[in-house]
Amino acid sequence: MLGGAKGILITKVEGAEHVRLLLEVAERTERDHDRREPLQAIAVIESVKILAKADDIARAHERVIGLMGGSEDLALSMGANPTHEALKIPKMLVHMAAAGAGKYSFGLFGSVADYKDVRLMRELAEEAFGHGVTGATCVHPSVVPILNNAFAPSDADVARAQLIIETARQQTERGVGAYSLEGRMVDEPVVERARQLLERARRHRRADAS
């Protein structure tokens, strides 16, 4: 069942109990085979009737590292075409549940089926990155470079984040909590977002090196 996999996608999730049951099976299998690296899971929500359970699913088990919305099945469950307009709200609900539980969020706010449309894939990936989505899956390897580029913070993003954090350190030493930097207000949420961006950049560098 487990082989050398580090994690699995649990598709068509029905609820928290569904997730816990499958991961309990995984735990027993690990014990039986003396596997020491716990299998991790990403739960895939593929029906609008399950959206209300997204928060419980995200918190169902410590091995659940993230959530993802299944574009085609979500659209089907709504009787809709899998367009950006139709999928934006349900995908955003999945994303917010993941973020609220402190888990990773995966997926684009649209369908990945149109993988040959390079501009569309890039726009969807950049939009998702801007909303705080961690990454995305794809149906064709040609999309992988597009996703890697979109979800990795740019050099300019990293440089600005470093500037924000260094300026925050200096201002904190002066007892200043909010201030202006390059014409924009900076306070603690802005600084924390900069820290998160740098951590995201570090994760991408580690992934590239592995």
N, C-alpha and C. Protein backbone atom coordinates (compact mmCIF):
# COMPACT_ATOMS: atom_id res chain seq x y z
N MET A 1 0.82 -1.22 0.00
CA MET A 1 0.00 0.00 0.00
C MET A 1 0.85 1.26 0.00
N LEU A 2 1.92 1.29 0.83
CA LEU A 2 2.65 2.52 1.02
C LEU A 2 3.85 2.66 0.11
N GLY A 3 4.56 1.56 -0.12
CA GLY A 3 5.75 1.61 -0.95
C GLY A 3 6.72 2.66 -0.43
N GLY A 4 7.27 3.43 -1.34
CA GLY A 4 8.19 4.49 -0.94
C GLY A 4 7.56 5.86 -0.93
N ALA A 5 6.24 5.93 -0.97
CA ALA A 5 5.53 7.21 -1.04
C ALA A 5 5.71 8.00 0.25
N LYS A 6 5.89 9.31 0.10
CA LYS A 6 5.94 10.19 1.26
C LYS A 6 4.55 10.66 1.66
N GLY A 7 3.62 10.63 0.71
CA GLY A 7 2.28 11.08 1.00
C GLY A 7 1.30 10.61 -0.05
N ILE A 8 0.02 10.83 0.23
CA ILE A 8 -1.03 10.41 -0.69
C ILE A 8 -2.07 11.53 -0.81
N LEU A 9 -2.77 11.53 -1.94
CA LEU A 9 -3.96 12.35 -2.10
C LEU A 9 -5.17 11.49 -1.73
N ILE A 10 -5.95 11.96 -0.79
CA ILE A 10 -7.19 11.26 -0.45
C ILE A 10 -8.29 11.93 -1.26
N THR A 11 -8.70 11.29 -2.33
CA THR A 11 -9.67 11.89 -3.25
C THR A 11 -11.10 11.64 -2.80
N LYS A 12 -11.99 12.50 -3.29
CA LYS A 12 -13.43 12.37 -3.02
C LYS A 12 -13.71 12.19 -1.53
N VAL A 13 -13.08 13.02 -0.72
CA VAL A 13 -13.25 12.96 0.73
C VAL A 13 -14.70 13.24 1.10
N GLU A 14 -15.23 12.42 2.01
CA GLU A 14 -16.61 12.58 2.44
C GLU A 14 -16.73 13.29 3.78
N GLY A 15 -15.64 13.36 4.53
CA GLY A 15 -15.69 14.01 5.84
C GLY A 15 -14.48 13.63 6.66
N ALA A 16 -14.44 14.16 7.89
CA ALA A 16 -13.29 13.92 8.76
C ALA A 16 -13.13 12.45 9.11
N GLU A 17 -14.23 11.75 9.35
CA GLU A 17 -14.15 10.32 9.70
C GLU A 17 -13.56 9.50 8.56
N HIS A 18 -13.90 9.85 7.34
CA HIS A 18 -13.34 9.19 6.16
C HIS A 18 -11.82 9.31 6.18
N VAL A 19 -11.34 10.52 6.43
CA VAL A 19 -9.90 10.76 6.46
C VAL A 19 -9.24 9.98 7.59
N ARG A 20 -9.83 10.05 8.79
CA ARG A 20 -9.24 9.36 9.94
C ARG A 20 -9.18 7.86 9.72
N LEU A 21 -10.23 7.28 9.12
CA LEU A 21 -10.25 5.85 8.87
C LEU A 21 -9.10 5.44 7.95
N LEU A 22 -8.91 6.15 6.86
CA LEU A 22 -7.85 5.81 5.92
C LEU A 22 -6.47 5.96 6.55
N LEU A 23 -6.29 6.99 7.35
CA LEU A 23 -4.98 7.19 7.97
C LEU A 23 -4.72 6.21 9.10
N GLU A 24 -5.76 5.73 9.74
CA GLU A 24 -5.59 4.65 10.73
C GLU A 24 -5.12 3.37 10.03
N VAL A 25 -5.66 3.09 8.85
CA VAL A 25 -5.20 1.95 8.07
C VAL A 25 -3.73 2.12 7.70
N ALA A 26 -3.37 3.34 7.30
CA ALA A 26 -1.98 3.61 6.95
C ALA A 26 -1.06 3.40 8.15
N GLU A 27 -1.50 3.83 9.34
CA GLU A 27 -0.69 3.66 10.54
C GLU A 27 -0.47 2.19 10.85
N ARG A 28 -1.52 1.39 10.73
CA ARG A 28 -1.37 -0.05 10.99
C ARG A 28 -0.41 -0.68 9.99
N THR A 29 -0.53 -0.28 8.73
CA THR A 29 0.36 -0.81 7.70
C THR A 29 1.81 -0.42 7.98
N GLU A 30 2.02 0.80 8.43
CA GLU A 30 3.38 1.24 8.78
C GLU A 30 3.97 0.40 9.90
N ARG A 31 3.15 0.13 10.92
CA ARG A 31 3.65 -0.70 12.03
C ARG A 31 3.98 -2.10 11.55
N ASP A 32 3.12 -2.65 10.71
CA ASP A 32 3.33 -4.01 10.21
C ASP A 32 4.62 -4.11 9.40
N HIS A 33 5.00 -3.04 8.71
CA HIS A 33 6.18 -3.07 7.85
C HIS A 33 7.36 -2.27 8.42
N ASP A 34 7.25 -1.90 9.69
CA ASP A 34 8.31 -1.18 10.39
C ASP A 34 8.73 0.08 9.63
N ARG A 35 7.75 0.75 9.09
CA ARG A 35 8.03 2.03 8.42
C ARG A 35 8.10 3.13 9.47
N ARG A 36 9.16 3.92 9.44
CA ARG A 36 9.37 4.93 10.48
C ARG A 36 8.99 6.34 10.04
N GLU A 37 8.82 6.56 8.74
CA GLU A 37 8.44 7.88 8.25
C GLU A 37 6.92 7.93 8.07
N PRO A 38 6.22 8.72 8.89
CA PRO A 38 4.76 8.75 8.80
C PRO A 38 4.28 9.25 7.44
N LEU A 39 3.31 8.53 6.89
CA LEU A 39 2.72 8.94 5.62
C LEU A 39 1.89 10.20 5.84
N GLN A 40 2.05 11.19 4.97
CA GLN A 40 1.26 12.40 5.05
C GLN A 40 0.16 12.37 4.00
N ALA A 41 -0.83 13.24 4.17
CA ALA A 41 -1.98 13.21 3.26
C ALA A 41 -2.46 14.60 2.91
N ILE A 42 -2.95 14.73 1.68
CA ILE A 42 -3.66 15.92 1.23
C ILE A 42 -5.08 15.49 0.91
N ALA A 43 -6.05 16.11 1.55
CA ALA A 43 -7.45 15.75 1.34
C ALA A 43 -8.02 16.57 0.19
N VAL A 44 -8.67 15.88 -0.74
CA VAL A 44 -9.22 16.54 -1.93
C VAL A 44 -10.74 16.61 -1.81
N ILE A 45 -11.27 17.81 -1.78
CA ILE A 45 -12.70 18.04 -1.67
C ILE A 45 -13.26 18.22 -3.08
N GLU A 46 -14.21 17.38 -3.45
CA GLU A 46 -14.65 17.34 -4.84
C GLU A 46 -16.16 17.47 -5.00
N SER A 47 -16.84 17.94 -3.96
CA SER A 47 -18.29 18.13 -4.05
C SER A 47 -18.68 19.33 -3.21
N VAL A 48 -19.60 20.13 -3.72
CA VAL A 48 -20.02 21.32 -2.96
C VAL A 48 -20.71 20.93 -1.66
N LYS A 49 -21.30 19.76 -1.59
CA LYS A 49 -21.96 19.38 -0.33
C LYS A 49 -20.95 19.10 0.77
N ILE A 50 -19.68 18.91 0.41
CA ILE A 50 -18.64 18.65 1.40
C ILE A 50 -17.94 19.94 1.83
N LEU A 51 -18.19 21.05 1.13
CA LEU A 51 -17.50 22.30 1.45
C LEU A 51 -17.72 22.72 2.90
N ALA A 52 -18.93 22.49 3.42
CA ALA A 52 -19.23 22.87 4.80
C ALA A 52 -18.40 22.08 5.80
N LYS A 53 -17.84 20.95 5.36
CA LYS A 53 -17.03 20.11 6.25
C LYS A 53 -15.53 20.37 6.09
N ALA A 54 -15.17 21.35 5.26
CA ALA A 54 -13.76 21.56 4.93
C ALA A 54 -12.90 21.82 6.16
N ASP A 55 -13.40 22.62 7.09
CA ASP A 55 -12.62 22.92 8.29
C ASP A 55 -12.37 21.67 9.12
N ASP A 56 -13.41 20.85 9.30
CA ASP A 56 -13.25 19.60 10.06
C ASP A 56 -12.29 18.65 9.36
N ILE A 57 -12.36 18.61 8.04
CA ILE A 57 -11.46 17.74 7.28
C ILE A 57 -10.02 18.18 7.45
N ALA A 58 -9.79 19.49 7.40
CA ALA A 58 -8.43 20.01 7.55
C ALA A 58 -7.85 19.65 8.91
N ARG A 59 -8.70 19.55 9.93
CA ARG A 59 -8.25 19.27 11.30
C ARG A 59 -8.46 17.82 11.70
N ALA A 60 -8.82 16.96 10.73
CA ALA A 60 -9.20 15.59 11.04
C ALA A 60 -8.07 14.77 11.64
N HIS A 61 -6.84 15.02 11.22
CA HIS A 61 -5.71 14.19 11.65
C HIS A 61 -4.43 14.99 11.48
N GLU A 62 -3.48 14.78 12.36
CA GLU A 62 -2.21 15.52 12.28
C GLU A 62 -1.44 15.23 11.00
N ARG A 63 -1.74 14.10 10.36
CA ARG A 63 -1.04 13.75 9.11
C ARG A 63 -1.61 14.48 7.89
N VAL A 64 -2.76 15.09 8.04
CA VAL A 64 -3.31 15.90 6.94
C VAL A 64 -2.51 17.19 6.88
N ILE A 65 -1.72 17.35 5.83
CA ILE A 65 -0.88 18.54 5.72
C ILE A 65 -1.53 19.63 4.88
N GLY A 66 -2.60 19.28 4.14
CA GLY A 66 -3.21 20.30 3.30
C GLY A 66 -4.51 19.84 2.67
N LEU A 67 -5.17 20.81 2.03
CA LEU A 67 -6.42 20.56 1.32
C LEU A 67 -6.28 20.98 -0.13
N MET A 68 -7.13 20.40 -0.96
CA MET A 68 -7.20 20.80 -2.36
C MET A 68 -8.63 20.61 -2.84
N GLY A 69 -9.06 21.47 -3.75
CA GLY A 69 -10.38 21.32 -4.35
C GLY A 69 -10.24 20.70 -5.73
N GLY A 70 -11.07 19.71 -6.04
CA GLY A 70 -11.03 19.06 -7.35
C GLY A 70 -11.90 19.82 -8.35
N SER A 71 -11.26 20.45 -9.32
CA SER A 71 -11.96 21.38 -10.21
C SER A 71 -13.13 20.75 -10.96
N GLU A 72 -12.85 19.69 -11.71
CA GLU A 72 -13.87 19.13 -12.59
C GLU A 72 -15.05 18.58 -11.79
N ASP A 73 -14.75 17.89 -10.69
CA ASP A 73 -15.83 17.30 -9.90
C ASP A 73 -16.61 18.36 -9.13
N LEU A 74 -15.92 19.39 -8.66
CA LEU A 74 -16.64 20.49 -8.00
C LEU A 74 -17.63 21.14 -8.97
N ALA A 75 -17.15 21.39 -10.17
CA ALA A 75 -18.03 22.00 -11.17
C ALA A 75 -19.22 21.09 -11.48
N LEU A 76 -18.92 19.80 -11.62
CA LEU A 76 -19.99 18.84 -11.91
C LEU A 76 -21.03 18.83 -10.80
N SER A 77 -20.57 18.89 -9.55
CA SER A 77 -21.51 18.85 -8.42
C SER A 77 -22.39 20.09 -8.37
N MET A 78 -21.94 21.18 -9.02
CA MET A 78 -22.75 22.41 -9.08
C MET A 78 -23.59 22.48 -10.34
N GLY A 79 -23.37 21.55 -11.27
CA GLY A 79 -24.04 21.63 -12.56
C GLY A 79 -23.48 22.76 -13.41
N ALA A 80 -22.19 23.07 -13.19
CA ALA A 80 -21.57 24.21 -13.86
C ALA A 80 -20.43 23.78 -14.77
N ASN A 81 -20.06 24.65 -15.68
CA ASN A 81 -18.84 24.45 -16.45
C ASN A 81 -17.65 24.82 -15.56
N PRO A 82 -16.50 24.13 -15.73
CA PRO A 82 -15.35 24.38 -14.86
C PRO A 82 -14.58 25.65 -15.23
N THR A 83 -15.27 26.78 -15.19
CA THR A 83 -14.65 28.05 -15.52
C THR A 83 -14.07 28.70 -14.26
N HIS A 84 -13.25 29.70 -14.49
CA HIS A 84 -12.68 30.45 -13.37
C HIS A 84 -13.79 31.07 -12.51
N GLU A 85 -14.80 31.62 -13.17
CA GLU A 85 -15.89 32.28 -12.45
C GLU A 85 -16.66 31.29 -11.58
N ALA A 86 -16.90 30.09 -12.09
CA ALA A 86 -17.67 29.10 -11.34
C ALA A 86 -16.87 28.50 -10.19
N LEU A 87 -15.56 28.37 -10.37
CA LEU A 87 -14.74 27.66 -9.39
C LEU A 87 -14.11 28.57 -8.34
N LYS A 88 -14.09 29.87 -8.58
CA LYS A 88 -13.36 30.77 -7.68
C LYS A 88 -13.87 30.68 -6.24
N ILE A 89 -15.17 30.75 -6.04
CA ILE A 89 -15.70 30.76 -4.68
C ILE A 89 -15.51 29.41 -3.99
N PRO A 90 -15.92 28.27 -4.58
CA PRO A 90 -15.69 27.00 -3.87
C PRO A 90 -14.22 26.70 -3.62
N LYS A 91 -13.35 27.03 -4.58
CA LYS A 91 -11.93 26.82 -4.37
C LYS A 91 -11.42 27.73 -3.25
N MET A 92 -11.92 28.95 -3.17
CA MET A 92 -11.50 29.87 -2.13
C MET A 92 -11.96 29.37 -0.75
N LEU A 93 -13.12 28.76 -0.68
CA LEU A 93 -13.59 28.21 0.59
C LEU A 93 -12.67 27.09 1.08
N VAL A 94 -12.22 26.25 0.15
CA VAL A 94 -11.26 25.19 0.51
C VAL A 94 -9.95 25.82 0.98
N HIS A 95 -9.50 26.82 0.26
CA HIS A 95 -8.25 27.50 0.61
C HIS A 95 -8.34 28.12 2.00
N MET A 96 -9.45 28.79 2.30
CA MET A 96 -9.59 29.46 3.60
C MET A 96 -9.65 28.44 4.74
N ALA A 97 -10.28 27.29 4.48
CA ALA A 97 -10.33 26.24 5.51
C ALA A 97 -8.93 25.73 5.81
N ALA A 98 -8.14 25.54 4.77
CA ALA A 98 -6.76 25.08 4.96
C ALA A 98 -5.95 26.12 5.72
N ALA A 99 -6.04 27.37 5.28
CA ALA A 99 -5.29 28.44 5.93
C ALA A 99 -5.71 28.61 7.39
N GLY A 100 -7.00 28.50 7.66
CA GLY A 100 -7.50 28.65 9.02
C GLY A 100 -7.01 27.57 9.95
N ALA A 101 -6.75 26.38 9.39
CA ALA A 101 -6.26 25.25 10.19
C ALA A 101 -4.74 25.20 10.22
N GLY A 102 -4.09 26.16 9.56
CA GLY A 102 -2.63 26.16 9.53
C GLY A 102 -2.05 25.09 8.64
N LYS A 103 -2.80 24.68 7.62
CA LYS A 103 -2.35 23.65 6.70
C LYS A 103 -2.03 24.25 5.34
N TYR A 104 -1.37 23.47 4.49
CA TYR A 104 -1.08 23.92 3.14
C TYR A 104 -2.35 23.91 2.30
N SER A 105 -2.36 24.77 1.30
CA SER A 105 -3.49 24.85 0.37
C SER A 105 -2.96 24.65 -1.04
N PHE A 106 -3.62 23.79 -1.81
CA PHE A 106 -3.17 23.47 -3.15
C PHE A 106 -4.29 23.69 -4.16
N GLY A 107 -3.90 24.12 -5.35
CA GLY A 107 -4.86 24.22 -6.44
C GLY A 107 -4.98 25.61 -7.03
N LEU A 108 -5.48 25.64 -8.24
CA LEU A 108 -5.74 26.88 -8.96
C LEU A 108 -7.23 27.19 -8.89
N PHE A 109 -7.58 28.46 -9.04
CA PHE A 109 -8.99 28.86 -9.04
C PHE A 109 -9.57 28.71 -10.44
N GLY A 110 -9.40 27.55 -10.99
CA GLY A 110 -9.86 27.24 -12.33
C GLY A 110 -9.48 25.80 -12.64
N SER A 111 -9.78 25.35 -13.83
CA SER A 111 -9.49 23.98 -14.22
C SER A 111 -8.07 23.86 -14.77
N VAL A 112 -7.42 22.72 -14.50
CA VAL A 112 -6.09 22.44 -15.05
C VAL A 112 -6.19 21.66 -16.36
N ALA A 113 -7.41 21.43 -16.82
CA ALA A 113 -7.59 20.61 -18.03
C ALA A 113 -7.06 21.31 -19.28
N ASP A 114 -7.10 22.65 -19.30
CA ASP A 114 -6.63 23.40 -20.47
C ASP A 114 -5.13 23.65 -20.39
N TYR A 115 -4.38 22.57 -20.21
CA TYR A 115 -2.95 22.70 -19.92
C TYR A 115 -2.15 23.27 -21.09
N LYS A 116 -2.68 23.21 -22.31
CA LYS A 116 -1.94 23.75 -23.46
C LYS A 116 -2.03 25.27 -23.55
N ASP A 117 -2.95 25.85 -22.79
CA ASP A 117 -3.10 27.31 -22.77
C ASP A 117 -2.09 27.86 -21.76
N VAL A 118 -0.89 28.14 -22.21
CA VAL A 118 0.20 28.54 -21.32
C VAL A 118 -0.14 29.84 -20.58
N ARG A 119 -0.70 30.80 -21.30
CA ARG A 119 -1.04 32.08 -20.66
C ARG A 119 -2.06 31.88 -19.55
N LEU A 120 -3.08 31.05 -19.81
CA LEU A 120 -4.10 30.79 -18.80
C LEU A 120 -3.50 30.12 -17.58
N MET A 121 -2.66 29.11 -17.79
CA MET A 121 -2.03 28.41 -16.67
C MET A 121 -1.18 29.37 -15.84
N ARG A 122 -0.46 30.24 -16.51
CA ARG A 122 0.38 31.21 -15.80
C ARG A 122 -0.49 32.18 -15.00
N GLU A 123 -1.55 32.68 -15.61
CA GLU A 123 -2.42 33.63 -14.92
C GLU A 123 -3.09 33.00 -13.71
N LEU A 124 -3.56 31.76 -13.86
CA LEU A 124 -4.20 31.08 -12.75
C LEU A 124 -3.21 30.82 -11.62
N ALA A 125 -1.99 30.43 -11.98
CA ALA A 125 -0.98 30.15 -10.96
C ALA A 125 -0.57 31.42 -10.23
N GLU A 126 -0.38 32.50 -10.96
CA GLU A 126 0.01 33.77 -10.33
C GLU A 126 -1.11 34.30 -9.43
N GLU A 127 -2.35 34.11 -9.86
CA GLU A 127 -3.49 34.52 -9.04
C GLU A 127 -3.51 33.72 -7.74
N ALA A 128 -3.33 32.41 -7.84
CA ALA A 128 -3.36 31.55 -6.65
C ALA A 128 -2.23 31.93 -5.69
N PHE A 129 -1.04 32.18 -6.23
CA PHE A 129 0.08 32.60 -5.38
C PHE A 129 -0.26 33.88 -4.64
N GLY A 130 -0.89 34.82 -5.33
CA GLY A 130 -1.25 36.08 -4.71
C GLY A 130 -2.26 35.93 -3.58
N HIS A 131 -3.04 34.86 -3.62
CA HIS A 131 -4.02 34.59 -2.57
C HIS A 131 -3.44 33.75 -1.44
N GLY A 132 -2.17 33.36 -1.56
CA GLY A 132 -1.54 32.59 -0.49
C GLY A 132 -1.58 31.09 -0.66
N VAL A 133 -2.00 30.62 -1.83
CA VAL A 133 -2.02 29.18 -2.09
C VAL A 133 -0.58 28.66 -2.14
N THR A 134 -0.37 27.46 -1.60
CA THR A 134 0.98 26.91 -1.48
C THR A 134 1.53 26.42 -2.81
N GLY A 135 0.70 25.77 -3.59
CA GLY A 135 1.15 25.18 -4.85
C GLY A 135 -0.03 24.55 -5.56
N ALA A 136 0.25 23.80 -6.62
CA ALA A 136 -0.84 23.21 -7.38
C ALA A 136 -0.37 21.94 -8.08
N THR A 137 -1.33 21.11 -8.42
CA THR A 137 -1.06 19.92 -9.22
C THR A 137 -1.35 20.25 -10.68
N CYS A 138 -0.95 19.34 -11.57
CA CYS A 138 -1.23 19.54 -12.99
C CYS A 138 -1.41 18.19 -13.65
N VAL A 139 -1.97 18.20 -14.86
CA VAL A 139 -2.25 16.96 -15.57
C VAL A 139 -1.23 16.66 -16.66
N HIS A 140 -0.28 17.58 -16.86
CA HIS A 140 0.73 17.38 -17.91
C HIS A 140 2.05 17.99 -17.44
N PRO A 141 3.17 17.29 -17.68
CA PRO A 141 4.46 17.80 -17.19
C PRO A 141 4.87 19.14 -17.77
N SER A 142 4.29 19.55 -18.90
CA SER A 142 4.66 20.85 -19.48
C SER A 142 4.25 22.01 -18.59
N VAL A 143 3.32 21.77 -17.66
CA VAL A 143 2.84 22.84 -16.78
C VAL A 143 3.74 22.99 -15.54
N VAL A 144 4.55 21.98 -15.25
CA VAL A 144 5.37 22.01 -14.04
C VAL A 144 6.27 23.25 -13.96
N PRO A 145 7.01 23.61 -15.03
CA PRO A 145 7.83 24.83 -14.93
C PRO A 145 7.02 26.09 -14.69
N ILE A 146 5.82 26.15 -15.25
CA ILE A 146 4.96 27.32 -15.04
C ILE A 146 4.58 27.43 -13.57
N LEU A 147 4.20 26.31 -12.97
CA LEU A 147 3.82 26.31 -11.57
C LEU A 147 5.01 26.62 -10.67
N ASN A 148 6.15 26.00 -10.96
CA ASN A 148 7.34 26.25 -10.14
C ASN A 148 7.71 27.72 -10.16
N ASN A 149 7.62 28.33 -11.33
CA ASN A 149 7.98 29.74 -11.45
C ASN A 149 6.98 30.64 -10.73
N ALA A 150 5.69 30.32 -10.85
CA ALA A 150 4.66 31.17 -10.27
C ALA A 150 4.63 31.09 -8.75
N PHE A 151 4.86 29.89 -8.21
CA PHE A 151 4.73 29.71 -6.77
C PHE A 151 6.02 29.95 -6.01
N ALA A 152 7.12 30.19 -6.70
CA ALA A 152 8.37 30.55 -6.03
C ALA A 152 8.48 32.06 -5.95
N PRO A 153 8.69 32.62 -4.77
CA PRO A 153 8.84 34.08 -4.67
C PRO A 153 9.98 34.58 -5.56
N SER A 154 9.75 35.68 -6.24
CA SER A 154 10.77 36.24 -7.13
C SER A 154 11.90 36.85 -6.32
N ASP A 155 13.02 37.13 -6.99
CA ASP A 155 14.14 37.79 -6.32
C ASP A 155 13.71 39.15 -5.78
N ALA A 156 12.87 39.84 -6.55
CA ALA A 156 12.38 41.15 -6.10
C ALA A 156 11.51 41.00 -4.85
N ASP A 157 10.66 39.96 -4.82
CA ASP A 157 9.83 39.71 -3.64
C ASP A 157 10.71 39.46 -2.41
N VAL A 158 11.73 38.63 -2.60
CA VAL A 158 12.62 38.28 -1.49
C VAL A 158 13.37 39.52 -1.00
N ALA A 159 13.88 40.33 -1.92
CA ALA A 159 14.63 41.53 -1.55
C ALA A 159 13.74 42.49 -0.76
N ARG A 160 12.50 42.67 -1.20
CA ARG A 160 11.61 43.58 -0.49
C ARG A 160 11.27 43.03 0.89
N ALA A 161 11.05 41.73 0.99
CA ALA A 161 10.74 41.12 2.29
C ALA A 161 11.91 41.30 3.25
N GLN A 162 13.11 41.12 2.76
CA GLN A 162 14.29 41.33 3.61
C GLN A 162 14.40 42.78 4.07
N LEU A 163 14.08 43.71 3.16
CA LEU A 163 14.11 45.13 3.52
C LEU A 163 13.08 45.43 4.59
N ILE A 164 11.87 44.88 4.45
CA ILE A 164 10.81 45.10 5.42
C ILE A 164 11.23 44.60 6.80
N ILE A 165 11.81 43.40 6.84
CA ILE A 165 12.18 42.82 8.13
C ILE A 165 13.33 43.59 8.77
N GLU A 166 14.31 43.99 7.99
CA GLU A 166 15.42 44.76 8.54
C GLU A 166 14.95 46.13 9.03
N THR A 167 14.08 46.76 8.27
CA THR A 167 13.54 48.06 8.68
C THR A 167 12.70 47.91 9.94
N ALA A 168 11.94 46.82 10.02
CA ALA A 168 11.12 46.57 11.21
C ALA A 168 12.01 46.41 12.45
N ARG A 169 13.12 45.72 12.29
CA ARG A 169 14.05 45.56 13.42
C ARG A 169 14.54 46.92 13.89
N GLN A 170 14.91 47.77 12.96
CA GLN A 170 15.42 49.09 13.32
C GLN A 170 14.34 49.94 13.99
N GLN A 171 13.12 49.88 13.45
CA GLN A 171 12.03 50.68 14.00
C GLN A 171 11.62 50.16 15.38
N THR A 172 11.65 48.85 15.57
CA THR A 172 11.31 48.27 16.87
C THR A 172 12.28 48.74 17.94
N GLU A 173 13.55 48.79 17.58
CA GLU A 173 14.56 49.27 18.52
C GLU A 173 14.29 50.72 18.92
N ARG A 174 13.64 51.47 18.05
CA ARG A 174 13.29 52.86 18.35
C ARG A 174 11.93 52.98 19.04
N GLY A 175 11.25 51.84 19.21
CA GLY A 175 9.94 51.86 19.85
C GLY A 175 8.81 52.23 18.93
N VAL A 176 9.03 52.11 17.62
CA VAL A 176 8.01 52.47 16.62
C VAL A 176 7.32 51.20 16.14
N GLY A 177 5.98 51.20 16.16
CA GLY A 177 5.24 50.01 15.75
C GLY A 177 4.74 50.06 14.32
N ALA A 178 4.43 51.25 13.82
CA ALA A 178 3.95 51.40 12.45
C ALA A 178 4.68 52.57 11.82
N TYR A 179 5.01 52.44 10.55
CA TYR A 179 5.82 53.45 9.89
C TYR A 179 5.63 53.33 8.38
N SER A 180 6.23 54.25 7.65
CA SER A 180 6.12 54.25 6.19
C SER A 180 7.42 53.75 5.58
N LEU A 181 7.29 52.90 4.57
CA LEU A 181 8.44 52.39 3.83
C LEU A 181 8.12 52.45 2.34
N GLU A 182 8.89 53.24 1.62
CA GLU A 182 8.69 53.39 0.17
C GLU A 182 7.25 53.79 -0.15
N GLY A 183 6.71 54.67 0.70
CA GLY A 183 5.38 55.21 0.44
C GLY A 183 4.22 54.33 0.87
N ARG A 184 4.51 53.24 1.60
CA ARG A 184 3.43 52.36 2.05
C ARG A 184 3.57 52.12 3.55
N MET A 185 2.42 52.04 4.22
CA MET A 185 2.44 51.79 5.65
C MET A 185 2.90 50.37 5.94
N VAL A 186 3.71 50.21 6.97
CA VAL A 186 4.17 48.90 7.41
C VAL A 186 3.84 48.76 8.89
N ASP A 187 3.16 47.66 9.24
CA ASP A 187 2.96 47.31 10.64
C ASP A 187 3.16 45.81 10.79
N GLU A 188 2.81 45.24 11.92
CA GLU A 188 3.17 43.85 12.20
C GLU A 188 2.63 42.85 11.19
N PRO A 189 1.37 42.95 10.72
CA PRO A 189 0.92 41.99 9.70
C PRO A 189 1.77 42.02 8.43
N VAL A 190 2.21 43.21 8.03
CA VAL A 190 3.06 43.33 6.84
C VAL A 190 4.40 42.65 7.09
N VAL A 191 4.94 42.83 8.28
CA VAL A 191 6.23 42.22 8.63
C VAL A 191 6.10 40.70 8.68
N GLU A 192 5.01 40.21 9.28
CA GLU A 192 4.82 38.76 9.36
C GLU A 192 4.64 38.16 7.98
N ARG A 193 3.96 38.87 7.08
CA ARG A 193 3.81 38.38 5.71
C ARG A 193 5.17 38.29 5.03
N ALA A 194 6.06 39.24 5.32
CA ALA A 194 7.41 39.20 4.77
C ALA A 194 8.17 37.99 5.30
N ARG A 195 8.00 37.69 6.59
CA ARG A 195 8.66 36.51 7.17
C ARG A 195 8.15 35.24 6.49
N GLN A 196 6.85 35.16 6.28
CA GLN A 196 6.28 33.97 5.64
C GLN A 196 6.78 33.82 4.21
N LEU A 197 6.92 34.93 3.51
CA LEU A 197 7.43 34.87 2.14
C LEU A 197 8.86 34.35 2.11
N LEU A 198 9.69 34.80 3.05
CA LEU A 198 11.07 34.31 3.09
C LEU A 198 11.12 32.82 3.43
N GLU A 199 10.24 32.38 4.31
CA GLU A 199 10.19 30.95 4.63
C GLU A 199 9.75 30.16 3.41
N ARG A 200 8.82 30.70 2.66
CA ARG A 200 8.37 30.04 1.43
C ARG A 200 9.51 29.96 0.43
N ALA A 201 10.30 31.02 0.32
CA ALA A 201 11.45 31.01 -0.58
C ALA A 201 12.47 29.96 -0.15
N ARG A 202 12.67 29.82 1.16
CA ARG A 202 13.60 28.80 1.66
C ARG A 202 13.11 27.40 1.33
N ARG A 203 11.80 27.18 1.45
CA ARG A 203 11.25 25.86 1.12
C ARG A 203 11.48 25.53 -0.35
N HIS A 204 11.29 26.50 -1.21
CA HIS A 204 11.49 26.28 -2.64
C HIS A 204 12.96 26.00 -2.95
N ARG A 205 13.87 26.68 -2.27
CA ARG A 205 15.29 26.41 -2.50
C ARG A 205 15.65 25.01 -2.05
N ARG A 206 15.09 24.58 -0.92
CA ARG A 206 15.37 23.21 -0.44
C ARG A 206 14.82 22.19 -1.42
N ALA A 207 13.63 22.46 -1.96
CA ALA A 207 13.03 21.52 -2.92
C ALA A 207 13.86 21.45 -4.19
N ASP A 208 14.37 22.59 -4.66
CA ASP A 208 15.19 22.61 -5.87
C ASP A 208 16.50 21.85 -5.66
N ALA A 209 17.02 21.90 -4.43
CA ALA A 209 18.30 21.26 -4.15
C ALA A 209 18.18 19.76 -3.97
N SER A 210 16.96 19.29 -3.66
CA SER A 210 16.77 17.86 -3.39
C SER A 210 16.55 17.07 -4.67
